Structures are given as structure tokens and as C-alpha cells.
Amino acid sequence: MIDDFAKRYLHDDLREIREVMTGKLEGLSEYDIRRPLTATGTNLLGLVKHLTLTEARYFGEVFGRPFPEPVPRWDDAGARGKDMWATEHETRAEIFDRYRRAGEHSDATITALAVDAPGHVPWWPRPDVLLFNVLVHVLTETSRHAGHADILREQLDGVTSAASRDADFWAARHAEIERAATAAR
């Protein structure tokens, strides 16, 4: 049986990982939060924009509680991928504010519904779901992208979540791992 403890636990984790996600952009320039850092164009601000759409859809239309702002339809092929980057006309503040509003909307849905409330995800192979399934999915999705953000941030300026270690420690660790990789060839 899924109970309210599980719902609270997952919801608390989602709130926490949202803060981790936005914290990864603190102190970075406009260019650094927007620039493509992988071959596919993954960038920090795009991850936040993508998670906004994720929360708006999953805790909105899936439960008949649409997000009050426009979002592209899930089956709009022309919109695919546009949530993964910010145009020059979209500001950091606008994207962060929309992410906050999507989170508030999600929080209201999570609070209002029972953990076993039914929902419908038309783009899933098994579309009939419970709030529990969607909580787990969105928490997983947000955590996955927070992990991407960890790596991207480290590439940009070396900032990691392991702040208690100094540069000498990391240089020695890097060298140790490189030696092991070379020896394993």
C-alpha cells in the first residue's frame, strides 16, 4: 500500500532537488548558463527550462489540472527540443520565475491529490497512472538533470558539490584515476 508518508517523502525530495538544480546556475554569467556544453547542445539554463515544461505537463494536464500558462502540446513535433535551450530574448529571471511557478502549481497538485489519485499520461505506453508514479518519474527526471548540471558546472569552473576538497586533492585524484585507466588499456 502506498501511503501519505511516501507522498511526503517524495514531495520533500522533489522540492530539495529543485533548489539544487537552480543553485547550479548561481554565480555564472549569462553566456555560461546558456552556452552549449555538449555535442547535443545541453546547457544549464535549458535544463531549467526543460524541467519547467516537465512539471507543468506531469502535474498539470496528467491530472486534469492544467498549468495556467501556455505550454506546447505533448504531441507538437515542431516544439520538440525547444524547451532545452533559451533564446536570446528569454531572460534568466523569466525562466527561473516560470520554473518557480510550475513548481508551485505542482506542489498544489501534489497537496490536493491523494497519492493513489489516477492520472493519464497519453505519451506513455501504459498511460493510466497514479500520482505516486508521476512523483517518482518527475523526481527521477529532475535528479537526472541535476546530475547533468553537476557535471556541466564542474566543466565550467570546477565548482562541485564536494566543496570540502581543495584543488590539490582533485588534481591528485584525477592523476590517480588517469594512471589506473592507462594501466588498464
C-alpha atoms as a PDB file:
ATOM      1  CA  MET A   1       0.000   0.000   0.000  1.00  0.00           C
ATOM      2  CA  ILE A   2       1.292   3.449  -0.932  1.00  0.00           C
ATOM      3  CA  ASP A   3       0.692   5.875   1.900  1.00  0.00           C
ATOM      4  CA  ASP A   4       0.964   9.551   2.766  1.00  0.00           C
ATOM      5  CA  PHE A   5       4.451   9.024   4.194  1.00  0.00           C
ATOM      6  CA  ALA A   6       5.686   8.016   0.722  1.00  0.00           C
ATOM      7  CA  LYS A   7       3.945  11.031  -0.811  1.00  0.00           C
ATOM      8  CA  ARG A   8       5.510  13.455   1.701  1.00  0.00           C
ATOM      9  CA  TYR A   9       8.929  11.850   1.323  1.00  0.00           C
ATOM     10  CA  LEU A  10       8.916  12.070  -2.474  1.00  0.00           C
ATOM     11  CA  HIS A  11       7.480  15.599  -2.431  1.00  0.00           C
ATOM     12  CA  ASP A  12      10.152  16.799   0.015  1.00  0.00           C
ATOM     13  CA  ASP A  13      12.864  15.274  -2.178  1.00  0.00           C
ATOM     14  CA  LEU A  14      11.409  16.990  -5.255  1.00  0.00           C
ATOM     15  CA  ARG A  15      11.409  20.374  -3.504  1.00  0.00           C
ATOM     16  CA  GLU A  16      15.005  19.845  -2.417  1.00  0.00           C
ATOM     17  CA  ILE A  17      16.293  18.797  -5.841  1.00  0.00           C
ATOM     18  CA  ARG A  18      14.604  21.819  -7.453  1.00  0.00           C
ATOM     19  CA  GLU A  19      16.747  24.036  -5.227  1.00  0.00           C
ATOM     20  CA  VAL A  20      19.867  22.037  -6.090  1.00  0.00           C
ATOM     21  CA  MET A  21      19.052  22.441  -9.780  1.00  0.00           C
ATOM     22  CA  THR A  22      18.695  26.216  -9.698  1.00  0.00           C
ATOM     23  CA  GLY A  23      21.676  26.561  -7.368  1.00  0.00           C
ATOM     24  CA  LYS A  24      23.919  25.111 -10.077  1.00  0.00           C
ATOM     25  CA  LEU A  25      23.491  28.344 -12.060  1.00  0.00           C
ATOM     26  CA  GLU A  26      24.382  30.722  -9.225  1.00  0.00           C
ATOM     27  CA  GLY A  27      27.352  32.962  -9.882  1.00  0.00           C
ATOM     28  CA  LEU A  28      27.619  32.143 -13.576  1.00  0.00           C
ATOM     29  CA  SER A  29      27.471  34.631 -16.434  1.00  0.00           C
ATOM     30  CA  GLU A  30      24.618  34.769 -18.944  1.00  0.00           C
ATOM     31  CA  TYR A  31      26.887  33.221 -21.531  1.00  0.00           C
ATOM     32  CA  ASP A  32      27.961  30.338 -19.308  1.00  0.00           C
ATOM     33  CA  ILE A  33      24.408  29.348 -18.342  1.00  0.00           C
ATOM     34  CA  ARG A  34      23.309  29.382 -21.989  1.00  0.00           C
ATOM     35  CA  ARG A  35      26.230  28.058 -23.976  1.00  0.00           C
ATOM     36  CA  PRO A  36      26.132  24.517 -25.329  1.00  0.00           C
ATOM     37  CA  LEU A  37      28.446  22.347 -23.257  1.00  0.00           C
ATOM     38  CA  THR A  38      27.912  19.034 -25.050  1.00  0.00           C
ATOM     39  CA  ALA A  39      27.749  17.995 -28.686  1.00  0.00           C
ATOM     40  CA  THR A  40      23.941  17.941 -28.426  1.00  0.00           C
ATOM     41  CA  GLY A  41      23.772  21.471 -27.035  1.00  0.00           C
ATOM     42  CA  THR A  42      22.973  20.664 -23.415  1.00  0.00           C
ATOM     43  CA  ASN A  43      23.231  23.804 -21.308  1.00  0.00           C
ATOM     44  CA  LEU A  44      22.349  24.796 -17.764  1.00  0.00           C
ATOM     45  CA  LEU A  45      19.527  27.261 -18.421  1.00  0.00           C
ATOM     46  CA  GLY A  46      17.994  24.855 -20.926  1.00  0.00           C
ATOM     47  CA  LEU A  47      17.828  22.170 -18.260  1.00  0.00           C
ATOM     48  CA  VAL A  48      15.815  24.513 -16.012  1.00  0.00           C
ATOM     49  CA  LYS A  49      13.534  25.446 -18.919  1.00  0.00           C
ATOM     50  CA  HIS A  50      13.013  21.756 -19.736  1.00  0.00           C
ATOM     51  CA  LEU A  51      12.154  20.900 -16.126  1.00  0.00           C
ATOM     52  CA  THR A  52       9.572  23.696 -16.130  1.00  0.00           C
ATOM     53  CA  LEU A  53       7.744  22.034 -19.001  1.00  0.00           C
ATOM     54  CA  THR A  54       8.144  18.624 -17.352  1.00  0.00           C
ATOM     55  CA  GLU A  55       6.461  19.759 -14.139  1.00  0.00           C
ATOM     56  CA  ALA A  56       3.789  21.782 -15.961  1.00  0.00           C
ATOM     57  CA  ARG A  57       2.766  18.771 -18.022  1.00  0.00           C
ATOM     58  CA  TYR A  58       3.065  15.986 -15.491  1.00  0.00           C
ATOM     59  CA  PHE A  59       1.402  17.720 -12.559  1.00  0.00           C
ATOM     60  CA  GLY A  60      -0.931  19.681 -14.833  1.00  0.00           C
ATOM     61  CA  GLU A  61      -2.616  18.005 -17.763  1.00  0.00           C
ATOM     62  CA  VAL A  62      -1.950  14.458 -16.493  1.00  0.00           C
ATOM     63  CA  PHE A  63      -4.273  15.141 -13.552  1.00  0.00           C
ATOM     64  CA  GLY A  64      -6.744  17.472 -15.270  1.00  0.00           C
ATOM     65  CA  ARG A  65      -5.194  20.498 -13.535  1.00  0.00           C
ATOM     66  CA  PRO A  66      -3.657  22.397 -16.464  1.00  0.00           C
ATOM     67  CA  PHE A  67      -0.796  24.781 -15.798  1.00  0.00           C
ATOM     68  CA  PRO A  68      -2.317  28.275 -16.205  1.00  0.00           C
ATOM     69  CA  GLU A  69       0.345  29.410 -18.691  1.00  0.00           C
ATOM     70  CA  PRO A  70       0.709  28.235 -22.279  1.00  0.00           C
ATOM     71  CA  VAL A  71       2.724  25.074 -22.838  1.00  0.00           C
ATOM     72  CA  PRO A  72       3.183  23.299 -26.153  1.00  0.00           C
ATOM     73  CA  ARG A  73       1.123  20.189 -26.654  1.00  0.00           C
ATOM     74  CA  TRP A  74       2.966  16.971 -25.903  1.00  0.00           C
ATOM     75  CA  ASP A  75       2.443  15.799 -29.485  1.00  0.00           C
ATOM     76  CA  ASP A  76       3.630  19.044 -31.153  1.00  0.00           C
ATOM     77  CA  ALA A  77       6.597  17.759 -33.159  1.00  0.00           C
ATOM     78  CA  GLY A  78       7.645  21.316 -34.061  1.00  0.00           C
ATOM     79  CA  ALA A  79       8.117  22.206 -30.391  1.00  0.00           C
ATOM     80  CA  ARG A  80      10.295  19.202 -29.517  1.00  0.00           C
ATOM     81  CA  GLY A  81      13.665  20.205 -28.157  1.00  0.00           C
ATOM     82  CA  LYS A  82      12.866  23.922 -27.949  1.00  0.00           C
ATOM     83  CA  ASP A  83      12.484  23.553 -24.194  1.00  0.00           C
ATOM     84  CA  MET A  84      16.151  22.541 -23.930  1.00  0.00           C
ATOM     85  CA  TRP A  85      17.651  25.977 -24.590  1.00  0.00           C
ATOM     86  CA  ALA A  86      16.885  29.644 -24.061  1.00  0.00           C
ATOM     87  CA  THR A  87      16.668  32.190 -26.836  1.00  0.00           C
ATOM     88  CA  GLU A  88      18.492  35.500 -26.519  1.00  0.00           C
ATOM     89  CA  HIS A  89      15.133  37.123 -25.725  1.00  0.00           C
ATOM     90  CA  GLU A  90      14.364  34.909 -22.724  1.00  0.00           C
ATOM     91  CA  THR A  91      15.945  36.111 -19.506  1.00  0.00           C
ATOM     92  CA  ARG A  92      17.325  34.046 -16.684  1.00  0.00           C
ATOM     93  CA  ALA A  93      14.823  35.730 -14.353  1.00  0.00           C
ATOM     94  CA  GLU A  94      11.875  34.847 -16.613  1.00  0.00           C
ATOM     95  CA  ILE A  95      12.929  31.216 -16.880  1.00  0.00           C
ATOM     96  CA  PHE A  96      13.603  30.915 -13.131  1.00  0.00           C
ATOM     97  CA  ASP A  97      10.281  32.610 -12.296  1.00  0.00           C
ATOM     98  CA  ARG A  98       8.400  30.257 -14.599  1.00  0.00           C
ATOM     99  CA  TYR A  99      10.174  27.266 -13.041  1.00  0.00           C
ATOM    100  CA  ARG A 100       9.142  28.540  -9.604  1.00  0.00           C
ATOM    101  CA  ARG A 101       5.522  28.983 -10.756  1.00  0.00           C
ATOM    102  CA  ALA A 102       5.489  25.499 -12.304  1.00  0.00           C
ATOM    103  CA  GLY A 103       6.840  24.140  -9.009  1.00  0.00           C
ATOM    104  CA  GLU A 104       4.122  25.951  -7.066  1.00  0.00           C
ATOM    105  CA  HIS A 105       1.497  24.538  -9.423  1.00  0.00           C
ATOM    106  CA  SER A 106       2.991  21.064  -8.991  1.00  0.00           C
ATOM    107  CA  ASP A 107       3.065  21.481  -5.220  1.00  0.00           C
ATOM    108  CA  ALA A 108      -0.627  22.450  -5.244  1.00  0.00           C
ATOM    109  CA  THR A 109      -1.495  19.366  -7.302  1.00  0.00           C
ATOM    110  CA  ILE A 110       0.558  17.072  -5.073  1.00  0.00           C
ATOM    111  CA  THR A 111      -1.001  18.560  -1.939  1.00  0.00           C
ATOM    112  CA  ALA A 112      -4.559  18.404  -3.268  1.00  0.00           C
ATOM    113  CA  LEU A 113      -4.499  14.828  -4.518  1.00  0.00           C
ATOM    114  CA  ALA A 114      -4.170  11.508  -2.770  1.00  0.00           C
ATOM    115  CA  VAL A 115      -1.017   9.561  -3.569  1.00  0.00           C
ATOM    116  CA  ASP A 116      -3.166   6.997  -5.393  1.00  0.00           C
ATOM    117  CA  ALA A 117      -5.118   9.602  -7.389  1.00  0.00           C
ATOM    118  CA  PRO A 118      -5.477   8.477 -11.003  1.00  0.00           C
ATOM    119  CA  GLY A 119      -3.899  10.319 -13.887  1.00  0.00           C
ATOM    120  CA  HIS A 120      -3.424   9.776 -17.580  1.00  0.00           C
ATOM    121  CA  VAL A 121      -0.108  10.188 -19.466  1.00  0.00           C
ATOM    122  CA  PRO A 122      -1.061   9.813 -23.143  1.00  0.00           C
ATOM    123  CA  TRP A 123       2.572   9.656 -24.289  1.00  0.00           C
ATOM    124  CA  TRP A 124       3.423   6.655 -22.067  1.00  0.00           C
ATOM    125  CA  PRO A 125       2.967   3.046 -23.247  1.00  0.00           C
ATOM    126  CA  ARG A 126       0.865   2.357 -20.114  1.00  0.00           C
ATOM    127  CA  PRO A 127      -0.902   5.708 -19.822  1.00  0.00           C
ATOM    128  CA  ASP A 128      -3.047   5.093 -16.746  1.00  0.00           C
ATOM    129  CA  VAL A 129      -1.011   6.103 -13.710  1.00  0.00           C
ATOM    130  CA  LEU A 130      -1.239   7.196 -10.100  1.00  0.00           C
ATOM    131  CA  LEU A 131       0.124  10.365  -8.540  1.00  0.00           C
ATOM    132  CA  PHE A 132       2.765   8.108  -6.973  1.00  0.00           C
ATOM    133  CA  ASN A 133       4.052   7.060 -10.427  1.00  0.00           C
ATOM    134  CA  VAL A 134       4.294  10.661 -11.590  1.00  0.00           C
ATOM    135  CA  LEU A 135       6.024  11.794  -8.396  1.00  0.00           C
ATOM    136  CA  VAL A 136       8.658   9.099  -8.866  1.00  0.00           C
ATOM    137  CA  HIS A 137       9.041   9.930 -12.560  1.00  0.00           C
ATOM    138  CA  VAL A 138       9.431  13.698 -12.096  1.00  0.00           C
ATOM    139  CA  LEU A 139      11.776  13.242  -9.126  1.00  0.00           C
ATOM    140  CA  THR A 140      13.891  10.881 -11.249  1.00  0.00           C
ATOM    141  CA  GLU A 141      13.857  13.261 -14.224  1.00  0.00           C
ATOM    142  CA  THR A 142      14.820  16.248 -12.070  1.00  0.00           C
ATOM    143  CA  SER A 143      17.560  14.296 -10.305  1.00  0.00           C
ATOM    144  CA  ARG A 144      18.937  13.093 -13.654  1.00  0.00           C
ATOM    145  CA  HIS A 145      19.149  16.665 -14.945  1.00  0.00           C
ATOM    146  CA  ALA A 146      20.633  17.901 -11.667  1.00  0.00           C
ATOM    147  CA  GLY A 147      23.379  15.327 -12.219  1.00  0.00           C
ATOM    148  CA  HIS A 148      23.912  16.708 -15.712  1.00  0.00           C
ATOM    149  CA  ALA A 149      24.083  20.189 -14.185  1.00  0.00           C
ATOM    150  CA  ASP A 150      26.703  18.989 -11.667  1.00  0.00           C
ATOM    151  CA  ILE A 151      28.965  17.844 -14.482  1.00  0.00           C
ATOM    152  CA  LEU A 152      28.381  20.904 -16.657  1.00  0.00           C
ATOM    153  CA  ARG A 153      29.107  23.240 -13.763  1.00  0.00           C
ATOM    154  CA  GLU A 154      32.286  21.369 -12.910  1.00  0.00           C
ATOM    155  CA  GLN A 155      33.393  21.699 -16.551  1.00  0.00           C
ATOM    156  CA  LEU A 156      32.780  25.447 -16.453  1.00  0.00           C
ATOM    157  CA  ASP A 157      34.537  26.494 -13.271  1.00  0.00           C
ATOM    158  CA  GLY A 158      35.398  23.442 -11.196  1.00  0.00           C
ATOM    159  CA  VAL A 159      32.585  24.004  -8.695  1.00  0.00           C
ATOM    160  CA  THR A 160      31.376  20.691  -7.315  1.00  0.00           C
ATOM    161  CA  SER A 161      29.102  19.556  -4.529  1.00  0.00           C
ATOM    162  CA  ALA A 162      32.218  18.255  -2.738  1.00  0.00           C
ATOM    163  CA  ALA A 163      33.258  21.721  -1.586  1.00  0.00           C
ATOM    164  CA  SER A 164      35.291  20.368   1.336  1.00  0.00           C
ATOM    165  CA  ARG A 165      38.047  19.198  -1.045  1.00  0.00           C
ATOM    166  CA  ASP A 166      40.716  21.543  -2.411  1.00  0.00           C
ATOM    167  CA  ALA A 167      42.238  21.758  -5.892  1.00  0.00           C
ATOM    168  CA  ASP A 168      45.293  19.732  -4.852  1.00  0.00           C
ATOM    169  CA  PHE A 169      43.083  16.859  -3.717  1.00  0.00           C
ATOM    170  CA  TRP A 170      41.225  16.818  -7.037  1.00  0.00           C
ATOM    171  CA  ALA A 171      44.425  17.059  -9.078  1.00  0.00           C
ATOM    172  CA  ALA A 172      45.853  14.061  -7.209  1.00  0.00           C
ATOM    173  CA  ARG A 173      42.584  12.120  -7.606  1.00  0.00           C
ATOM    174  CA  HIS A 174      42.488  12.909 -11.326  1.00  0.00           C
ATOM    175  CA  ALA A 175      46.080  11.715 -11.747  1.00  0.00           C
ATOM    176  CA  GLU A 176      45.350   8.515  -9.812  1.00  0.00           C
ATOM    177  CA  ILE A 177      42.333   7.724 -11.983  1.00  0.00           C
ATOM    178  CA  GLU A 178      44.273   8.532 -15.158  1.00  0.00           C
ATOM    179  CA  ARG A 179      47.046   6.139 -14.074  1.00  0.00           C
ATOM    180  CA  ALA A 180      44.506   3.360 -13.498  1.00  0.00           C
ATOM    181  CA  ALA A 181      42.843   3.989 -16.868  1.00  0.00           C
ATOM    182  CA  THR A 182      46.192   3.967 -18.667  1.00  0.00           C
ATOM    183  CA  ALA A 183      47.270   0.772 -16.916  1.00  0.00           C
ATOM    184  CA  ALA A 184      44.015  -0.958 -17.847  1.00  0.00           C
ATOM    185  CA  ARG A 185      44.485  -0.380 -21.587  1.00  0.00           C
END
